[in-house]
């Protein structure tokens, strides 16, 4: 099974807060892939809002996004696009 990963920087003002984590979890549920975010020693499933909040990812933090499964490539691109778009927040 294919496993892909990409390094990303959290660039939205509030970091990976509740609204952003919820948006990411809803997006992750659309794919047949296990998507994980890793920051330092911590990791969380992209489908778990609580897990994502426990990463405490603030602006400027570097994370690794991994995706494994049939939709890995599409899922990884979608998640990274959302992070690049600052979770669709204005600032």
C-alpha atoms as a PDB file:
ATOM      1  CA  UNK A   1       0.000   0.000   0.000  1.00  0.00           C
ATOM      2  CA  UNK A   2       1.283   3.421  -0.946  1.00  0.00           C
ATOM      3  CA  UNK A   3       2.310   5.866   1.797  1.00  0.00           C
ATOM      4  CA  UNK A   4       3.000   9.472   0.870  1.00  0.00           C
ATOM      5  CA  UNK A   5       4.178  12.372   2.987  1.00  0.00           C
ATOM      6  CA  UNK A   6       4.753  16.073   2.695  1.00  0.00           C
ATOM      7  CA  UNK A   7       6.198  18.770   4.959  1.00  0.00           C
ATOM      8  CA  UNK A   8       3.933  21.762   5.565  1.00  0.00           C
ATOM      9  CA  UNK A   9       4.059  24.955   7.615  1.00  0.00           C
ATOM     10  CA  UNK A  10       0.988  26.119   9.492  1.00  0.00           C
ATOM     11  CA  UNK A  11       0.498  29.661   8.218  1.00  0.00           C
ATOM     12  CA  UNK A  12      -2.916  30.787   9.421  1.00  0.00           C
ATOM     13  CA  UNK A  13      -2.994  33.282  12.275  1.00  0.00           C
ATOM     14  CA  UNK A  14      -4.700  31.057  14.865  1.00  0.00           C
ATOM     15  CA  UNK A  15      -2.935  27.814  13.951  1.00  0.00           C
ATOM     16  CA  UNK A  16      -4.726  24.489  14.116  1.00  0.00           C
ATOM     17  CA  UNK A  17      -7.574  25.652  16.376  1.00  0.00           C
ATOM     18  CA  UNK A  18     -11.059  24.109  16.769  1.00  0.00           C
ATOM     19  CA  UNK A  19     -12.632  25.463  13.574  1.00  0.00           C
ATOM     20  CA  UNK A  20      -9.594  24.591  11.440  1.00  0.00           C
ATOM     21  CA  UNK A  21      -9.301  21.124  13.031  1.00  0.00           C
ATOM     22  CA  UNK A  22     -12.998  20.458  12.371  1.00  0.00           C
ATOM     23  CA  UNK A  23     -12.663  21.553   8.745  1.00  0.00           C
ATOM     24  CA  UNK A  24      -9.652  19.258   8.325  1.00  0.00           C
ATOM     25  CA  UNK A  25     -11.406  16.289   9.984  1.00  0.00           C
ATOM     26  CA  UNK A  26     -14.482  16.682   7.751  1.00  0.00           C
ATOM     27  CA  UNK A  27     -12.240  16.808   4.667  1.00  0.00           C
ATOM     28  CA  UNK A  28     -10.237  13.755   5.788  1.00  0.00           C
ATOM     29  CA  UNK A  29     -13.445  11.738   6.157  1.00  0.00           C
ATOM     30  CA  UNK A  30     -14.098  12.149   2.414  1.00  0.00           C
ATOM     31  CA  UNK A  31     -11.193   9.885   1.454  1.00  0.00           C
ATOM     32  CA  UNK A  32     -10.368   6.194   1.646  1.00  0.00           C
ATOM     33  CA  UNK A  33      -7.015   6.897   3.264  1.00  0.00           C
ATOM     34  CA  UNK A  34      -5.453   7.119   6.707  1.00  0.00           C
ATOM     35  CA  UNK A  35      -4.187  10.679   7.014  1.00  0.00           C
ATOM     36  CA  UNK A  36      -1.875  11.574   9.885  1.00  0.00           C
ATOM     37  CA  UNK A  37      -0.349  14.864  10.987  1.00  0.00           C
ATOM     38  CA  UNK A  38       2.977  14.700  12.827  1.00  0.00           C
ATOM     39  CA  UNK A  39       4.606  17.506  14.768  1.00  0.00           C
ATOM     40  CA  UNK A  40       7.758  16.625  16.644  1.00  0.00           C
ATOM     41  CA  UNK A  41       7.015  13.611  18.848  1.00  0.00           C
ATOM     42  CA  UNK A  42       3.231  14.029  18.569  1.00  0.00           C
ATOM     43  CA  UNK A  43       0.983  12.598  15.886  1.00  0.00           C
ATOM     44  CA  UNK A  44      -2.759  12.625  15.264  1.00  0.00           C
ATOM     45  CA  UNK A  45      -5.237  11.240  12.803  1.00  0.00           C
ATOM     46  CA  UNK A  46      -6.580  13.980  10.549  1.00  0.00           C
ATOM     47  CA  UNK A  47     -10.038  12.519  11.219  1.00  0.00           C
ATOM     48  CA  UNK A  48      -9.793  13.294  14.977  1.00  0.00           C
ATOM     49  CA  UNK A  49     -10.583  16.879  15.965  1.00  0.00           C
ATOM     50  CA  UNK A  50      -9.397  16.270  19.536  1.00  0.00           C
ATOM     51  CA  UNK A  51      -6.206  14.605  18.337  1.00  0.00           C
ATOM     52  CA  UNK A  52      -5.479  17.523  16.016  1.00  0.00           C
ATOM     53  CA  UNK A  53      -6.012  20.018  18.839  1.00  0.00           C
ATOM     54  CA  UNK A  54      -3.595  18.046  21.029  1.00  0.00           C
ATOM     55  CA  UNK A  55      -0.829  18.726  18.492  1.00  0.00           C
ATOM     56  CA  UNK A  56      -0.943  22.384  19.566  1.00  0.00           C
ATOM     57  CA  UNK A  57       0.139  23.514  16.101  1.00  0.00           C
ATOM     58  CA  UNK A  58       0.476  27.270  15.977  1.00  0.00           C
ATOM     59  CA  UNK A  59       1.485  29.652  13.230  1.00  0.00           C
ATOM     60  CA  UNK A  60       4.932  28.848  11.858  1.00  0.00           C
ATOM     61  CA  UNK A  61       4.977  25.249  13.118  1.00  0.00           C
ATOM     62  CA  UNK A  62       6.298  22.628  10.713  1.00  0.00           C
ATOM     63  CA  UNK A  63       4.209  19.482  10.377  1.00  0.00           C
ATOM     64  CA  UNK A  64       4.458  16.333   8.320  1.00  0.00           C
ATOM     65  CA  UNK A  65       1.285  15.128   6.628  1.00  0.00           C
ATOM     66  CA  UNK A  66       1.169  11.436   5.714  1.00  0.00           C
ATOM     67  CA  UNK A  67      -1.483   9.562   3.767  1.00  0.00           C
ATOM     68  CA  UNK A  68      -1.797   5.819   3.272  1.00  0.00           C
ATOM     69  CA  UNK A  69      -4.478   3.965   1.334  1.00  0.00           C
ATOM     70  CA  UNK A  70      -6.237   3.857  -2.047  1.00  0.00           C
ATOM     71  CA  UNK A  71      -6.925   7.635  -2.032  1.00  0.00           C
ATOM     72  CA  UNK A  72      -3.541   8.595  -0.531  1.00  0.00           C
ATOM     73  CA  UNK A  73      -2.392  10.922  -3.309  1.00  0.00           C
ATOM     74  CA  UNK A  74      -5.704  12.750  -3.701  1.00  0.00           C
ATOM     75  CA  UNK A  75      -6.161  12.965   0.076  1.00  0.00           C
ATOM     76  CA  UNK A  76      -2.652  14.312   0.658  1.00  0.00           C
ATOM     77  CA  UNK A  77      -3.123  16.966  -2.020  1.00  0.00           C
ATOM     78  CA  UNK A  78      -6.508  18.029  -0.616  1.00  0.00           C
ATOM     79  CA  UNK A  79      -5.243  18.296   2.964  1.00  0.00           C
ATOM     80  CA  UNK A  80      -2.131  20.211   1.916  1.00  0.00           C
ATOM     81  CA  UNK A  81      -4.239  22.546  -0.232  1.00  0.00           C
ATOM     82  CA  UNK A  82      -6.445  23.282   2.794  1.00  0.00           C
ATOM     83  CA  UNK A  83      -3.401  24.019   4.953  1.00  0.00           C
ATOM     84  CA  UNK A  84      -1.919  26.236   2.197  1.00  0.00           C
ATOM     85  CA  UNK A  85      -5.256  28.072   1.975  1.00  0.00           C
ATOM     86  CA  UNK A  86      -4.983  28.826   5.712  1.00  0.00           C
ATOM     87  CA  UNK A  87      -8.046  26.638   6.343  1.00  0.00           C
ATOM     88  CA  UNK A  88     -10.087  29.128   4.264  1.00  0.00           C
ATOM     89  CA  UNK A  89      -9.735  31.791   6.950  1.00  0.00           C
ATOM     90  CA  UNK A  90      -9.304  35.380   5.909  1.00  0.00           C
ATOM     91  CA  UNK A  91      -6.004  36.048   7.735  1.00  0.00           C
END
